Amino acid sequence: MLEIHVELPADTKKIIEWNKAHPTFKEVKERLRQCGIASGNKRWCVEVERQGEFLSPDDDDLVDGPIIRVRASRILCQTSWERPKPDRPPTKGNTN
């Protein structure tokens, strides 16, 4: 039996029991959606704790238990990054 300890916004926590051994990160995210977490039309960031740090591994990475700590938070906005504009060449002034 695997336990997923989920930390949600506003210091809310939930424990999900799962009869699965060695799921992939993608399977963990799907399990959260099945339990009503990180689902719906909103975008969510899901991270797994590894060695004291929360990170988002590749979807195919295995997540080992028996207890998995997960943090899920809604993405509130999406920023678009602009490429830096190349320096403009200096303009020539009047040389009278």
Protein backbone atom coordinates (compact mmCIF):
# COMPACT_ATOMS: atom_id res chain seq x y z
CA MET A 1 0.00 0.00 0.00
CA LEU A 2 1.31 3.40 -1.03
CA GLU A 3 0.41 6.67 0.70
CA ILE A 4 0.52 10.00 -1.11
CA HIS A 5 0.72 12.95 1.29
CA VAL A 6 -0.50 15.97 -0.67
CA GLU A 7 0.20 19.55 0.38
CA LEU A 8 -2.32 21.97 -1.10
CA PRO A 9 -2.63 25.76 -1.02
CA ALA A 10 -3.69 27.41 2.25
CA ASP A 11 -1.89 24.72 4.30
CA THR A 12 -4.48 22.10 3.39
CA LYS A 13 -3.27 18.51 3.42
CA LYS A 14 -4.78 15.28 2.14
CA ILE A 15 -3.63 11.65 2.33
CA ILE A 16 -4.46 9.32 -0.55
CA GLU A 17 -4.01 5.58 -0.23
CA TRP A 18 -3.16 3.69 -3.39
CA ASN A 19 -2.64 0.00 -4.03
CA LYS A 20 0.23 0.59 -6.45
CA ALA A 21 3.96 0.05 -6.20
CA HIS A 22 6.52 2.25 -7.98
CA PRO A 23 4.25 4.51 -10.04
CA THR A 24 5.62 6.92 -12.60
CA PHE A 25 5.27 10.66 -12.00
CA LYS A 26 2.62 10.77 -14.73
CA GLU A 27 0.62 8.08 -12.91
CA VAL A 28 0.87 10.04 -9.64
CA LYS A 29 -0.47 13.17 -11.36
CA GLU A 30 -3.31 11.13 -12.87
CA ARG A 31 -4.12 9.64 -9.45
CA LEU A 32 -4.36 13.16 -8.01
CA ARG A 33 -6.78 14.12 -10.80
CA GLN A 34 -8.90 11.02 -10.09
CA CYS A 35 -9.13 12.13 -6.44
CA GLY A 36 -10.23 15.65 -7.41
CA ILE A 37 -6.85 17.30 -6.91
CA ALA A 38 -5.08 19.18 -9.70
CA SER A 39 -8.06 18.73 -11.98
CA GLY A 40 -10.57 20.83 -13.84
CA ASN A 41 -9.97 23.60 -16.33
CA LYS A 42 -7.27 25.26 -14.23
CA ARG A 43 -3.59 24.49 -14.72
CA TRP A 44 -1.73 22.94 -11.80
CA CYS A 45 1.90 22.57 -10.83
CA VAL A 46 2.60 19.20 -9.21
CA GLU A 47 5.92 18.51 -7.50
CA VAL A 48 7.30 15.47 -5.66
CA GLU A 49 9.64 15.68 -2.70
CA ARG A 50 13.03 14.11 -3.29
CA GLN A 51 15.85 14.46 -0.79
CA GLY A 52 14.14 17.36 0.97
CA GLU A 53 13.38 19.36 -2.19
CA PHE A 54 10.21 19.58 -4.24
CA LEU A 55 10.68 19.15 -7.99
CA SER A 56 8.80 18.09 -11.09
CA PRO A 57 10.54 15.02 -12.53
CA ASP A 58 9.98 13.70 -16.04
CA ASP A 59 6.64 11.96 -16.51
CA ASP A 60 8.33 8.57 -16.95
CA ASP A 61 10.45 8.80 -13.76
CA LEU A 62 9.53 6.27 -11.08
CA VAL A 63 8.37 7.60 -7.72
CA ASP A 64 9.19 5.31 -4.81
CA GLY A 65 7.19 4.94 -1.59
CA PRO A 66 5.83 3.69 0.77
CA ILE A 67 5.09 7.37 1.46
CA ILE A 68 5.27 9.99 -1.28
CA ARG A 69 5.08 13.69 -0.40
CA VAL A 70 3.55 15.80 -3.16
CA ARG A 71 2.89 19.53 -3.43
CA ALA A 72 0.15 20.76 -5.77
CA SER A 73 -0.68 24.38 -6.47
CA ARG A 74 -2.77 26.12 -9.08
CA ILE A 75 -0.94 28.19 -11.67
CA LEU A 76 -2.54 31.61 -11.33
CA CYS A 77 -1.07 33.34 -14.33
CA GLN A 78 1.14 32.60 -17.24
CA THR A 79 3.82 35.04 -18.12
CA SER A 80 5.18 35.34 -21.59
CA TRP A 81 8.84 35.93 -21.86
CA GLU A 82 10.07 38.17 -24.61
CA ARG A 83 13.35 37.53 -26.26
CA PRO A 84 15.84 40.24 -25.57
CA LYS A 85 15.98 42.62 -28.46
CA PRO A 86 19.36 42.91 -30.08
CA ASP A 87 21.09 46.20 -29.57
CA ARG A 88 20.12 48.67 -32.21
CA PRO A 89 22.97 49.99 -34.28
CA PRO A 90 23.78 53.58 -33.42
CA THR A 91 22.03 56.09 -35.64
CA LYS A 92 24.19 58.53 -37.49
CA GLY A 93 23.52 62.14 -36.59
CA ASN A 94 24.11 65.15 -38.72
CA THR A 95 27.81 65.75 -39.14
CA ASN A 96 27.61 69.34 -40.46
